[in-house]
Protein backbone atom coordinates (compact mmCIF):
# COMPACT_ATOMS: atom_id res chain seq x y z
CA UNK A 1 128.41 117.08 143.70
CA UNK A 2 127.39 116.31 140.38
CA UNK A 3 126.31 113.01 139.66
CA UNK A 4 128.37 111.48 136.92
CA UNK A 5 127.40 108.24 134.44
CA UNK A 6 130.24 106.43 133.36
CA UNK A 7 129.85 105.83 129.43
CA UNK A 8 132.19 102.67 128.46
CA UNK A 9 132.22 101.75 124.83
CA UNK A 10 130.01 99.19 124.01
CA UNK A 11 130.73 96.23 121.79
CA UNK A 12 127.59 95.15 120.45
CA UNK A 13 124.13 96.39 119.86
CA UNK A 14 123.07 94.74 122.81
CA UNK A 15 125.15 96.24 125.01
CA UNK A 16 124.49 99.98 123.50
CA UNK A 17 120.64 98.63 124.21
CA UNK A 18 121.58 98.13 127.98
CA UNK A 19 123.29 101.59 128.23
CA UNK A 20 119.71 103.09 126.55
CA UNK A 21 117.51 101.12 128.78
CA UNK A 22 119.38 102.51 131.80
CA UNK A 23 118.15 105.91 130.85
CA UNK A 24 114.68 107.33 131.20
CA UNK A 25 112.29 105.08 129.02
CA UNK A 26 110.47 106.47 125.48
CA UNK A 27 107.25 107.18 127.61
CA UNK A 28 108.73 109.33 130.09
CA UNK A 29 109.54 111.77 127.47
CA UNK A 30 110.94 115.12 128.98
CA UNK A 31 108.97 118.19 126.92
CA UNK A 32 112.19 120.00 126.05
CA UNK A 33 114.12 120.39 123.14
CA UNK A 34 116.85 122.39 124.54
CA UNK A 35 118.96 119.22 126.07
CA UNK A 36 118.59 117.90 122.36
CA UNK A 37 119.84 120.81 120.69
CA UNK A 38 122.90 121.11 122.93
CA UNK A 39 123.85 117.47 121.83
CA UNK A 40 123.25 117.71 117.94
CA UNK A 41 124.84 121.47 118.50
CA UNK A 42 128.16 119.92 119.62
CA UNK A 43 127.86 117.32 117.67
CA UNK A 44 127.73 119.83 114.35
CA UNK A 45 124.32 119.78 113.37
CA UNK A 46 123.99 116.27 111.88
CA UNK A 47 120.22 117.52 111.97
CA UNK A 48 120.81 119.79 109.01
CA UNK A 49 122.82 117.69 106.99
CA UNK A 50 120.10 116.58 104.77
CA UNK A 51 116.50 117.80 103.94
CA UNK A 52 113.66 116.32 106.52
CA UNK A 53 110.44 114.72 106.07
CA UNK A 54 108.74 114.79 109.52
CA UNK A 55 105.88 112.97 110.13
CA UNK A 56 103.47 113.10 113.11
CA UNK A 57 99.48 112.16 113.72
CA UNK A 58 98.09 109.32 115.70
CA UNK A 59 97.66 106.47 113.75
CA UNK A 60 99.82 105.40 110.15
CA UNK A 61 102.78 107.16 111.11
CA UNK A 62 105.28 104.46 110.54
CA UNK A 63 102.97 103.05 107.20
CA UNK A 64 103.74 106.40 105.70
CA UNK A 65 107.11 106.71 106.57
CA UNK A 66 108.24 103.51 104.64
CA UNK A 67 105.73 104.59 101.78
CA UNK A 68 107.98 107.96 102.07
CA UNK A 69 111.13 106.25 101.59
CA UNK A 70 110.24 103.70 99.45
CA UNK A 71 108.82 106.21 96.84
CA UNK A 72 111.97 108.27 97.36
CA UNK A 73 114.75 105.36 96.78
CA UNK A 74 112.50 105.12 93.64
CA UNK A 75 113.96 108.33 92.43
CA UNK A 76 117.57 107.01 92.90
CA UNK A 77 117.71 108.94 96.44
CA UNK A 78 119.59 107.82 99.63
CA UNK A 79 117.08 107.84 102.48
CA UNK A 80 117.48 107.41 106.06
CA UNK A 81 114.28 106.52 107.85
CA UNK A 82 114.07 107.49 111.82
CA UNK A 83 110.76 105.28 113.56
CA UNK A 84 109.27 103.89 116.29
CA UNK A 85 109.30 101.68 118.20
CA UNK A 86 110.57 98.78 116.78
CA UNK A 87 109.29 95.32 116.43
CA UNK A 88 112.09 93.27 117.65
CA UNK A 89 115.82 94.86 117.20
CA UNK A 90 116.60 98.41 118.34
CA UNK A 91 118.44 99.11 114.97
CA UNK A 92 115.08 98.69 113.17
CA UNK A 93 114.58 102.37 114.28
CA UNK A 94 117.12 103.72 112.18
CA UNK A 95 117.02 102.51 108.40
CA UNK A 96 119.20 103.71 105.60
CA UNK A 97 117.98 102.63 102.07
CA UNK A 98 114.74 100.21 103.32
CA UNK A 99 117.03 98.09 105.80
CA UNK A 100 118.33 98.73 109.15
CA UNK A 101 121.77 100.38 109.83
CA UNK A 102 124.25 97.40 110.58
CA UNK A 103 125.00 96.35 113.86
CA UNK A 104 128.80 97.71 113.03
CA UNK A 105 127.43 101.07 112.53
CA UNK A 106 125.00 101.20 114.95
CA UNK A 107 128.09 100.75 117.51
CA UNK A 108 130.63 102.47 115.89
CA UNK A 109 128.76 106.03 115.59
CA UNK A 110 126.89 105.43 119.58
CA UNK A 111 130.82 104.92 120.17
CA UNK A 112 131.95 108.44 118.59
CA UNK A 113 129.27 110.24 120.21
CA UNK A 114 128.73 108.96 123.40
CA UNK A 115 131.54 111.17 125.12
CA UNK A 116 129.41 114.47 123.93
CA UNK A 117 126.18 112.74 125.42
CA UNK A 118 128.11 112.41 128.65
CA UNK A 119 128.81 115.67 128.67
CA UNK A 120 125.54 117.09 128.09
CA UNK A 121 124.67 115.17 131.07
CA UNK A 122 126.98 116.61 132.88
CA UNK A 123 125.40 119.99 132.31
CA UNK A 124 122.02 119.07 132.84
CA UNK A 125 123.27 117.52 136.32
CA UNK A 126 124.55 120.88 137.10
CA UNK A 127 121.35 122.32 136.33
CA UNK A 128 119.18 119.80 138.33
CA UNK A 129 117.68 118.19 135.19
CA UNK A 130 117.33 114.74 134.31
CA UNK A 131 119.98 113.77 131.88
CA UNK A 132 119.30 113.08 128.30
CA UNK A 133 116.40 110.25 128.06
CA UNK A 134 116.17 106.97 125.96
CA UNK A 135 114.93 108.46 123.24
CA UNK A 136 116.61 111.72 123.07
CA UNK A 137 119.73 109.75 122.67
CA UNK A 138 118.77 107.33 119.91
CA UNK A 139 117.73 110.36 118.20
CA UNK A 140 120.86 111.92 118.31
CA UNK A 141 122.31 108.71 117.03
CA UNK A 142 119.99 108.57 114.05
CA UNK A 143 121.00 112.13 113.21
CA UNK A 144 124.71 111.06 113.65
CA UNK A 145 124.10 107.98 111.59
CA UNK A 146 122.65 109.58 108.40
CA UNK A 147 124.86 112.33 108.51
CA UNK A 148 128.18 109.86 108.45
CA UNK A 149 126.68 107.93 105.82
CA UNK A 150 125.68 110.65 104.23
CA UNK A 151 121.73 110.69 103.22
CA UNK A 152 119.73 112.65 100.70
CA UNK A 153 116.66 112.66 102.57
CA UNK A 154 116.18 112.35 106.09
CA UNK A 155 112.74 110.96 106.84
CA UNK A 156 111.47 111.58 110.44
CA UNK A 157 108.62 110.08 112.68
CA UNK A 158 108.01 111.59 115.86
CA UNK A 159 108.09 109.78 118.99
CA UNK A 160 105.09 111.00 120.71
CA UNK A 161 103.58 114.31 120.26
CA UNK A 162 105.48 117.14 118.14
CA UNK A 163 106.78 120.15 119.30
CA UNK A 164 108.46 118.85 122.34
CA UNK A 165 109.57 115.54 120.83
CA UNK A 166 113.03 115.13 120.76
CA UNK A 167 113.03 114.78 116.42
CA UNK A 168 111.70 118.50 116.39
CA UNK A 169 115.30 120.03 116.65
CA UNK A 170 114.90 119.03 112.70
CA UNK A 171 113.40 121.91 110.56
CA UNK A 172 111.28 119.89 108.22
CA UNK A 173 111.03 120.58 104.49
CA UNK A 174 107.54 118.92 104.61
CA UNK A 175 105.17 118.04 107.47
CA UNK A 176 102.93 115.41 107.64
CA UNK A 177 100.45 115.06 109.82
CA UNK A 178 98.58 111.45 109.69
CA UNK A 179 94.96 111.19 111.20
CA UNK A 180 94.79 113.04 114.61
CA UNK A 181 92.94 111.03 117.46
CA UNK A 182 93.04 110.46 121.64
CA UNK A 183 96.30 108.67 122.33
CA UNK A 184 99.14 109.24 124.84
CA UNK A 185 97.00 111.82 126.63
CA UNK A 186 98.98 111.58 129.89
CA UNK A 187 101.36 113.57 128.08
CA UNK A 188 99.31 115.00 125.11
CA UNK A 189 96.61 116.50 126.53
CA UNK A 190 92.80 114.75 126.97
CA UNK A 191 91.14 116.76 123.70
CA UNK A 192 91.90 116.79 120.47
CA UNK A 193 92.51 120.31 120.60
CA UNK A 194 95.61 119.79 123.22
CA UNK A 195 96.66 116.95 121.02
CA UNK A 196 96.66 119.01 117.73
CA UNK A 197 98.56 121.98 119.13
CA UNK A 198 101.35 119.88 120.18
CA UNK A 199 101.37 118.10 117.11
CA UNK A 200 101.39 121.27 114.87
CA UNK A 201 104.98 122.14 116.45
CA UNK A 202 106.56 120.15 113.64
CA UNK A 203 105.30 122.38 111.25
CA UNK A 204 108.12 125.18 110.37
CA UNK A 205 108.41 128.57 108.89
CA UNK A 206 108.92 128.08 105.14
CA UNK A 207 107.78 124.19 104.69
CA UNK A 208 105.10 122.78 103.52
CA UNK A 209 102.44 120.76 105.55
CA UNK A 210 100.77 117.77 103.98
CA UNK A 211 97.97 116.57 106.22
CA UNK A 212 94.99 113.81 106.35
CA UNK A 213 91.60 114.18 106.31
CA UNK A 214 90.79 115.44 109.69
CA UNK A 215 88.64 116.62 112.58
CA UNK A 216 87.67 119.83 111.84
CA UNK A 217 88.94 121.02 115.44
CA UNK A 218 92.35 119.73 114.09
CA UNK A 219 92.43 120.99 111.07
CA UNK A 220 91.80 124.43 111.71
CA UNK A 221 94.62 124.28 114.63
CA UNK A 222 97.07 122.97 111.48
CA UNK A 223 95.48 125.75 108.94
CA UNK A 224 96.03 128.48 111.55
CA UNK A 225 99.58 127.41 112.32
CA UNK A 226 100.75 127.15 108.74
CA UNK A 227 99.11 130.21 107.83
CA UNK A 228 100.99 132.15 110.86
CA UNK A 229 104.68 130.75 109.88
CA UNK A 230 104.33 131.10 106.26
CA UNK A 231 103.88 127.56 105.25
CA UNK A 232 102.43 125.84 102.61
CA UNK A 233 99.47 123.31 102.98
CA UNK A 234 97.42 120.98 101.11
CA UNK A 235 94.92 118.77 103.09
CA UNK A 236 93.70 115.55 102.16
CA UNK A 237 89.91 115.57 100.90
CA UNK A 238 90.71 118.89 99.29
CA UNK A 239 93.79 119.30 97.48
CA UNK A 240 94.66 115.51 96.84
CA UNK A 241 93.33 112.24 97.63
CA UNK A 242 92.36 108.38 97.27
CA UNK A 243 90.05 108.73 93.94
CA UNK A 244 90.02 105.36 93.60
CA UNK A 245 90.56 101.59 94.92
CA UNK A 246 90.12 97.87 93.81
CA UNK A 247 90.81 94.72 96.28
CA UNK A 248 93.52 93.18 94.89
CA UNK A 249 95.48 89.62 95.67
CA UNK A 250 97.91 90.84 98.14
CA UNK A 251 96.49 94.20 98.35
CA UNK A 252 94.66 97.20 96.19
CA UNK A 253 95.28 98.45 93.22
CA UNK A 254 94.47 102.44 93.98
CA UNK A 255 94.17 105.93 91.93
CA UNK A 256 95.65 108.75 93.84
CA UNK A 257 94.83 112.84 92.81
CA UNK A 258 98.29 113.95 93.59
CA UNK A 259 99.28 117.90 93.89
CA UNK A 260 99.77 118.16 90.52
CA UNK A 261 98.48 115.44 88.58
CA UNK A 262 96.35 112.08 88.94
CA UNK A 263 98.33 108.02 89.35
CA UNK A 264 96.36 105.33 88.52
CA UNK A 265 96.58 101.67 88.46
CA UNK A 266 98.88 101.64 91.46
CA UNK A 267 99.83 98.67 93.37
CA UNK A 268 99.95 98.72 97.05
CA UNK A 269 100.98 95.41 98.51
CA UNK A 270 98.95 96.10 101.64
CA UNK A 271 95.38 96.03 103.10
CA UNK A 272 92.90 98.36 104.12
CA UNK A 273 91.33 101.93 103.11
CA UNK A 274 93.78 103.31 105.79
CA UNK A 275 96.75 102.74 103.89
CA UNK A 276 95.62 104.10 100.48
CA UNK A 277 95.05 107.10 102.39
CA UNK A 278 98.47 106.83 104.20
CA UNK A 279 100.00 106.53 100.38
CA UNK A 280 98.28 109.38 99.17
CA UNK A 281 99.76 111.29 101.73
CA UNK A 282 103.01 109.80 100.89
CA UNK A 283 102.82 110.92 97.37
CA UNK A 284 101.73 114.30 98.32
CA UNK A 285 104.81 114.73 100.45
CA UNK A 286 107.39 113.35 97.56
CA UNK A 287 105.74 115.53 95.31
CA UNK A 288 105.67 118.56 97.61
CA UNK A 289 109.54 117.65 98.67
CA UNK A 290 110.80 116.79 95.09
CA UNK A 291 109.03 119.83 92.58
CA UNK A 292 107.44 122.27 95.40
CA UNK A 293 103.79 120.45 94.68
CA UNK A 294 104.26 121.92 91.16
CA UNK A 295 105.86 118.92 89.27
CA UNK A 296 104.07 115.64 88.58
CA UNK A 297 106.36 112.39 89.57
CA UNK A 298 107.03 110.04 87.17
CA UNK A 299 103.99 106.95 86.95
CA UNK A 300 106.66 104.53 86.58
CA UNK A 301 108.69 105.20 89.20
CA UNK A 302 105.76 105.52 91.42
CA UNK A 303 104.62 102.24 90.61
CA UNK A 304 107.98 101.20 91.63
CA UNK A 305 108.20 102.91 94.59
CA UNK A 306 104.20 101.71 96.02
CA UNK A 307 104.76 98.71 94.68
CA UNK A 308 108.49 97.75 96.70
CA UNK A 309 106.28 98.92 100.09
CA UNK A 310 106.21 96.78 103.31
CA UNK A 311 104.76 97.43 106.68
CA UNK A 312 106.07 94.86 109.40
CA UNK A 313 103.29 94.26 111.86
CA UNK A 314 100.74 96.15 110.14
CA UNK A 315 98.02 93.95 108.86
CA UNK A 316 100.69 91.56 107.80
CA UNK A 317 99.79 88.09 106.73
CA UNK A 318 102.08 86.27 108.85
CA UNK A 319 100.40 82.35 107.84
CA UNK A 320 98.01 81.60 105.33
CA UNK A 321 96.76 78.38 106.33
CA UNK A 322 95.06 79.27 108.72
CA UNK A 323 95.19 82.62 108.07
CA UNK A 324 97.63 84.58 111.06
CA UNK A 325 97.29 88.26 110.73
CA UNK A 326 99.64 90.47 112.94
CA UNK A 327 98.67 94.14 113.83
CA UNK A 328 100.21 96.92 115.98
CA UNK A 329 97.30 98.87 116.42
CA UNK A 330 97.59 100.23 119.79
CA UNK A 331 94.19 102.72 120.20
CA UNK A 332 91.06 102.60 119.55
CA UNK A 333 91.14 104.32 116.21
CA UNK A 334 93.72 102.38 114.90
CA UNK A 335 91.79 99.26 115.72
CA UNK A 336 88.85 100.61 114.12
CA UNK A 337 90.82 100.74 110.86
CA UNK A 338 92.46 97.47 111.46
CA UNK A 339 89.08 95.88 111.48
CA UNK A 340 87.43 97.71 108.73
CA UNK A 341 90.43 96.37 106.15
CA UNK A 342 90.10 92.93 107.72
CA UNK A 343 86.32 92.91 106.91
CA UNK A 344 87.08 94.42 103.44
CA UNK A 345 89.96 91.68 102.68
CA UNK A 346 89.27 88.71 104.15
CA UNK A 347 86.58 85.82 104.36
CA UNK A 348 85.88 83.76 107.53
CA UNK A 349 83.48 82.61 110.03
CA UNK A 350 85.30 82.51 113.25
CA UNK A 351 88.00 84.89 114.17
CA UNK A 352 90.49 84.00 117.21
CA UNK A 353 92.08 87.16 118.75
CA UNK A 354 95.32 87.04 120.42
CA UNK A 355 95.50 90.14 122.68
CA UNK A 356 98.14 92.34 124.65
CA UNK A 357 97.44 95.97 125.71
CA UNK A 358 99.95 98.05 127.49
CA UNK A 359 98.34 99.55 130.91
CA UNK A 360 98.91 103.21 129.82
CA UNK A 361 96.39 102.82 126.84
CA UNK A 362 92.60 103.02 127.10
CA UNK A 363 92.07 99.20 127.69
CA UNK A 364 88.68 99.65 128.08
CA UNK A 365 87.50 101.06 124.87
CA UNK A 366 90.10 99.23 122.94
CA UNK A 367 88.47 95.76 124.18
CA UNK A 368 85.03 97.60 123.24
CA UNK A 369 85.88 98.05 120.29
CA UNK A 370 87.49 94.75 119.29
CA UNK A 371 84.32 92.73 120.28
CA UNK A 372 82.24 95.88 118.57
CA UNK A 373 83.88 95.83 115.59
CA UNK A 374 84.17 91.89 115.04
CA UNK A 375 80.95 91.38 116.03
CA UNK A 376 80.05 89.53 112.81
CA UNK A 377 82.47 86.58 113.36
CA UNK A 378 82.50 83.65 115.71
CA UNK A 379 84.85 85.48 118.14
CA UNK A 380 86.94 83.53 120.63
CA UNK A 381 89.76 85.98 122.35
CA UNK A 382 93.15 84.74 124.33
CA UNK A 383 94.43 87.51 126.35
CA UNK A 384 98.18 87.44 126.69
CA UNK A 385 101.09 89.88 127.36
CA UNK A 386 104.65 90.55 125.79
CA UNK A 387 107.44 91.20 128.34
CA UNK A 388 106.90 94.68 128.61
CA UNK A 389 107.07 95.87 132.25
CA UNK A 390 104.00 98.04 131.09
CA UNK A 391 102.14 95.04 129.89
CA UNK A 392 98.88 94.30 131.69
CA UNK A 393 98.14 90.94 133.28
CA UNK A 394 96.06 87.93 131.24
CA UNK A 395 93.83 87.66 134.29
CA UNK A 396 93.28 91.37 134.46
CA UNK A 397 92.60 91.80 130.73
CA UNK A 398 90.89 88.88 130.50
CA UNK A 399 88.06 90.23 133.23
CA UNK A 400 87.77 93.56 131.45
CA UNK A 401 87.22 91.61 128.07
CA UNK A 402 84.10 90.32 129.49
CA UNK A 403 83.06 93.34 130.94
CA UNK A 404 82.96 95.12 127.23
CA UNK A 405 81.15 92.58 125.54
CA UNK A 406 83.12 89.18 125.09
CA UNK A 407 81.41 86.40 125.81
CA UNK A 408 83.41 85.09 128.80
CA UNK A 409 82.98 81.42 128.16
CA UNK A 410 85.03 82.56 124.66
CA UNK A 411 87.53 84.61 127.19
CA UNK A 412 90.93 82.70 128.00
CA UNK A 413 94.18 84.41 130.05
CA UNK A 414 97.18 82.97 128.98
CA UNK A 415 100.33 83.70 130.60
CA UNK A 416 103.20 82.63 127.93
CA UNK A 417 102.41 84.68 124.59
CA UNK A 418 103.72 81.62 122.66
CA UNK A 419 101.15 79.37 123.96
CA UNK A 420 98.63 81.96 123.61
CA UNK A 421 99.54 81.95 119.86
CA UNK A 422 99.87 78.13 119.59
CA UNK A 423 96.52 77.91 121.30
CA UNK A 424 94.46 79.92 118.65
CA UNK A 425 96.04 78.46 115.74
CA UNK A 426 95.28 75.20 116.44
CA UNK A 427 91.61 76.10 117.40
CA UNK A 428 91.51 77.46 113.65
CA UNK A 429 93.16 75.08 111.93
CA UNK A 430 91.28 72.48 113.68
CA UNK A 431 87.99 74.16 111.66
CA UNK A 432 86.17 71.35 108.97
CA UNK A 433 84.95 74.42 107.50
CA UNK A 434 88.31 75.86 107.32
CA UNK A 435 86.64 79.16 107.66
CA UNK A 436 88.98 79.93 110.81
CA UNK A 437 91.41 82.61 111.12
CA UNK A 438 93.75 84.87 113.81
CA UNK A 439 94.30 88.13 114.48
CA UNK A 440 97.33 89.07 117.06
CA UNK A 441 97.18 92.71 117.86
CA UNK A 442 96.74 95.32 121.10
CA UNK A 443 100.50 96.32 121.14
CA UNK A 444 103.74 97.21 119.25
CA UNK A 445 105.46 94.86 121.82
CA UNK A 446 102.95 91.67 121.53
CA UNK A 447 103.15 92.01 117.63
CA UNK A 448 106.83 92.20 117.77
CA UNK A 449 107.27 89.15 119.92
CA UNK A 450 104.38 86.91 117.92
CA UNK A 451 106.99 87.63 114.79
CA UNK A 452 109.96 86.26 116.34
CA UNK A 453 107.56 83.33 117.53
CA UNK A 454 106.85 82.88 113.98
CA UNK A 455 109.67 82.91 112.66
CA UNK A 456 109.54 85.99 110.44
């Protein structure tokens, strides 16, 4: 007997989200495209309703997506952006012109496509396959929202990997690959070669590859894929890249050599060398989309677009006295990039870390990285957790931290995240030298809940 699912007509975002959560979670993605392809085919192929800029890589995807979006908006284009995961509310993942899709549109479009999703679920069940996953449904919903509006350009961030990611039913005009490192090894493979092969799958025939500077193994795989399918390719450090940076209040002033011209005196209101490099990727991608890489962008529009960029939870200054920083880095590579930016952009002597990490991550290396990267500060650690069922218990995290280089007397286990944040902030505020700061990091879920607790 075929199993059936009763897809009701939800009346709120919360009800839609509850239905999505009843499906396989996004860290249990199926290595398939046929299910999503079937769903979008039934819906009339909304993934083909606008040109696509597709983004993969290990770190920097969301920030780069937001920069691409802001640059396109400055060119008076209507933009649909799909990113993941969300910090606080699921509608953040599907943005229209820089703002989360409205609750009304999110619920309405979901209700319209629900019968077709049920049809695909039934077909999958009849073949003995799992029904559409959380991420697969959300991806189809994003395409449907973008087609309904409609948008001029879709900016899509992969969930995990590339080749088998649900977003890869779209044919990208421009494919961006941010720096590739080890992450999600349980799904993508435990070598750079394995991961690069998976991520290279978003490069499409006749498309345009824009790649960050990569490990030689990764760069060779991307290059061979582009050459094999006839895609143009440009690499950071070869054809484009950051030419200069100056620290400024609220961010940095950068100069970028693009594909078609050099652009100077660009205010980027984000911290860190890695964000400047993300900006170079975004500029090159927009040049590739709008002018085939041969036509310079208008300097005034470029200044406007970059100047309007925000990236919540990415080394975000939540409070100034004492400084409270939020950073969603969740792997060693990301933590190292954030640490470089902290050392470069801020001055303090005492750093209080509030950390929560999900179980599938490389926990020991992450904690060792934090201890090593911030060794120049007087360091204190509050181990806590988010509400995610995948979160490591604070006591277990504290034990690992003591083994990974933290002074055991300066490590605390706090079950409630709000208590951990309050304790860390109070300790920094009590410094008579006014030289204390707080950094909340380790996972997107912890940073998302921290933003809500801090009223952001």
